[in-house]
Protein backbone atom coordinates (compact mmCIF):
# COMPACT_ATOMS: atom_id res chain seq x y z
CA MET A 1 12.27 -16.71 -11.36
CA SER A 2 9.21 -14.80 -9.49
CA THR A 3 7.68 -16.50 -7.09
CA LEU A 4 3.51 -17.33 -7.38
CA ALA A 5 2.80 -14.46 -5.27
CA ASN A 6 4.29 -11.88 -7.41
CA GLN A 7 3.09 -13.20 -10.72
CA ILE A 8 -0.62 -12.95 -9.33
CA GLU A 9 0.51 -9.07 -8.15
CA VAL A 10 1.85 -8.57 -11.45
CA TYR A 11 -1.06 -9.57 -13.29
CA LEU A 12 -3.56 -7.88 -11.15
CA LYS A 13 -1.83 -4.86 -11.04
CA LYS A 14 -1.84 -5.14 -14.83
CA LEU A 15 -5.45 -5.65 -15.04
CA LEU A 16 -5.68 -2.85 -12.78
CA SER A 17 -3.87 -0.60 -14.85
CA ALA A 18 -5.87 -1.70 -17.96
CA SER A 19 -9.10 -0.39 -16.06
CA GLU A 20 -10.29 3.21 -16.76
CA SER A 21 -12.18 3.48 -13.73
CA GLY A 22 -9.18 1.97 -11.37
CA VAL A 23 -11.50 -0.85 -10.13
CA LEU A 24 -10.83 -4.18 -10.74
CA GLU A 25 -13.33 -7.09 -9.86
CA LEU A 26 -13.17 -10.78 -10.16
CA LYS A 27 -13.60 -14.23 -8.61
CA ARG A 28 -11.13 -15.38 -6.70
CA SER A 29 -11.84 -18.27 -7.44
CA ASP A 30 -11.20 -17.97 -10.97
CA LEU A 31 -8.06 -16.16 -10.14
CA ALA A 32 -7.13 -19.27 -8.27
CA GLU A 33 -7.99 -21.77 -10.94
CA MET A 34 -5.91 -19.42 -13.45
CA PHE A 35 -2.34 -19.45 -11.29
CA MET A 36 -3.35 -22.99 -10.10
CA CYS A 37 -3.08 -22.39 -6.25
CA VAL A 38 -5.36 -21.93 -3.85
CA PRO A 39 -7.86 -19.08 -2.89
CA SER A 40 -6.07 -18.50 0.10
CA GLN A 41 -2.76 -17.59 -1.67
CA ILE A 42 -4.93 -15.22 -3.63
CA ASN A 43 -5.74 -14.20 -0.27
CA TYR A 44 -2.12 -13.66 0.70
CA VAL A 45 -1.54 -11.46 -2.06
CA LEU A 46 -3.99 -9.51 -1.31
CA ASP A 47 -2.99 -8.78 2.42
CA THR A 48 -0.14 -8.31 1.42
CA ARG A 49 0.30 -6.63 -1.78
CA PHE A 50 -2.91 -4.59 -1.60
CA SER A 51 -3.21 -2.43 1.20
CA ALA A 52 -4.25 0.95 2.28
CA ALA A 53 -1.31 2.03 2.64
CA GLN A 54 0.56 0.54 -0.88
CA GLY A 55 -2.43 2.56 -2.51
CA TYR A 56 -5.29 0.33 -2.59
CA MET A 57 -8.44 -0.67 -0.79
CA VAL A 58 -9.92 -4.29 -1.50
CA GLU A 59 -13.39 -5.26 -0.91
CA SER A 60 -14.72 -9.22 -0.84
CA ARG A 61 -17.48 -11.30 -0.22
CA ARG A 62 -16.82 -15.31 0.06
CA GLY A 63 -19.48 -17.76 -1.17
CA GLY A 64 -20.57 -18.90 -4.57
CA GLY A 65 -22.04 -15.31 -6.00
CA GLY A 66 -18.36 -14.09 -4.24
CA TYR A 67 -15.84 -11.46 -5.42
CA VAL A 68 -12.77 -9.52 -5.06
CA ARG A 69 -13.25 -5.70 -5.95
CA ILE A 70 -10.27 -3.92 -5.60
CA ILE A 71 -10.07 0.02 -6.37
CA SER A 72 -6.99 2.06 -6.71
CA LEU A 73 -6.58 4.96 -4.66
CA SER A 74 -5.15 8.10 -5.90
CA MET A 75 -2.87 10.41 -3.78
CA ASN A 76 -3.98 13.11 -6.03
CA GLU A 77 -7.59 12.87 -3.95
CA GLU A 78 -7.08 14.97 -0.75
CA PRO A 79 -9.49 13.10 1.12
CA ASN A 80 -7.56 9.88 0.54
CA PHE A 81 -4.11 11.88 1.84
CA THR A 82 -6.22 12.55 4.93
CA VAL A 83 -6.86 9.62 5.89
CA LEU A 84 -2.87 8.62 5.57
CA LEU A 85 -2.53 11.26 7.54
CA GLU A 86 -4.69 10.41 10.30
CA SER A 87 -3.92 6.30 10.16
CA ALA A 88 -0.39 7.61 10.84
CA LYS A 89 -0.66 10.23 14.30
CA ASP A 90 -0.27 9.24 17.02
CA LYS A 91 -0.02 5.28 15.99
CA ARG A 92 2.69 2.41 15.80
CA VAL A 93 4.13 2.24 12.58
CA SER A 94 6.26 -1.28 12.06
CA ARG A 95 9.33 -0.56 9.47
CA GLN A 96 7.68 -2.39 6.42
CA SER A 97 4.19 -0.38 6.73
CA GLY A 98 6.51 2.67 6.86
CA GLU A 99 8.51 1.44 3.71
CA LYS A 100 5.15 0.45 2.10
CA LEU A 101 3.77 3.74 2.34
CA VAL A 102 7.24 5.66 1.07
CA ASP A 103 6.63 3.27 -1.97
CA ARG A 104 3.58 4.57 -2.35
CA LEU A 105 4.35 8.06 -2.55
CA CYS A 106 7.31 7.49 -4.52
CA GLU A 107 4.75 5.90 -6.91
CA GLU A 108 2.29 9.33 -6.70
CA GLU A 109 5.67 11.12 -7.29
CA PHE A 110 4.76 12.87 -3.87
CA LEU A 111 8.60 12.18 -3.16
CA SER A 112 11.22 11.31 -5.77
CA HIS A 113 13.00 8.20 -5.69
CA ARG A 114 16.40 10.54 -3.47
CA GLU A 115 13.86 11.70 -0.88
CA GLY A 116 12.11 8.03 -0.65
CA MET A 117 15.72 6.77 0.10
CA LEU A 118 15.97 9.26 2.89
CA ILE A 119 13.41 8.83 4.52
CA LYS A 120 13.15 4.75 4.17
CA MET A 121 16.89 5.18 6.21
CA MET A 122 15.46 7.36 8.34
CA ILE A 123 13.17 5.04 9.86
CA ASP A 124 15.66 2.22 9.76
CA ASP A 125 15.37 -0.16 12.62
CA ALA A 126 19.32 0.33 12.44
CA VAL A 127 18.64 3.49 13.31
CA LEU A 128 15.34 3.28 15.37
CA LYS A 129 16.67 1.65 18.24
CA GLY A 130 14.78 0.81 21.36
CA GLU A 131 11.19 -0.22 22.74
CA ASP A 132 9.53 2.80 21.17
CA ALA A 133 10.79 2.82 17.75
CA ASP A 134 7.72 1.73 15.91
CA MET A 135 5.87 5.05 17.78
CA LEU A 136 8.73 7.31 17.20
CA ARG A 137 8.49 6.39 13.22
CA GLY A 138 4.92 6.65 13.44
CA ARG A 139 5.69 10.31 14.30
CA MET A 140 8.16 11.01 11.88
CA LEU A 141 6.10 9.67 9.02
CA HIS A 142 3.13 11.82 10.43
CA ALA A 143 5.60 15.31 10.37
CA MET A 144 6.82 14.24 6.92
CA LEU A 145 2.90 14.65 5.75
CA LEU A 146 2.29 16.94 7.17
CA LEU A 147 4.75 19.03 5.72
CA LEU A 148 3.80 17.53 2.10
CA LEU A 149 -0.19 18.63 2.68
CA ARG A 150 1.46 22.39 3.18
CA ASP A 151 0.68 24.50 -0.09
CA ASP A 152 3.37 26.82 0.73
CA PHE A 153 6.10 24.76 0.89
CA ALA A 154 7.61 23.86 -2.62
């Protein structure tokens, strides 16, 4: 049986995929009422399942007239890819964040499933032992993104 967070995620992704514009706007309170949960549970799902590394941007406004807007980011738009590239440059990247980025690249078909698995293995904590593992992981992901941006590489 799936968890409530999984159910909310699946529901939101289904609504988002049905949207022609790639934008979904709804009230947090309506969603919480639908799933019979507190609004903070909705916040948890948005924070953990709809990050930029996963291909989404979330905008929200709290209060009575508040809303949640989820925007699907496409890897086909180069500015978004450039933002990802810059976000990985000289930054510490946790294993979990790195894996989410790789998952997104696989979903957008920039990487095959096999390539994604290879990269995940390379950035795993078991391989990158030591206190600078997050920094090394960030450098490796940055190098990979640079390679993916090359036009002469196929």
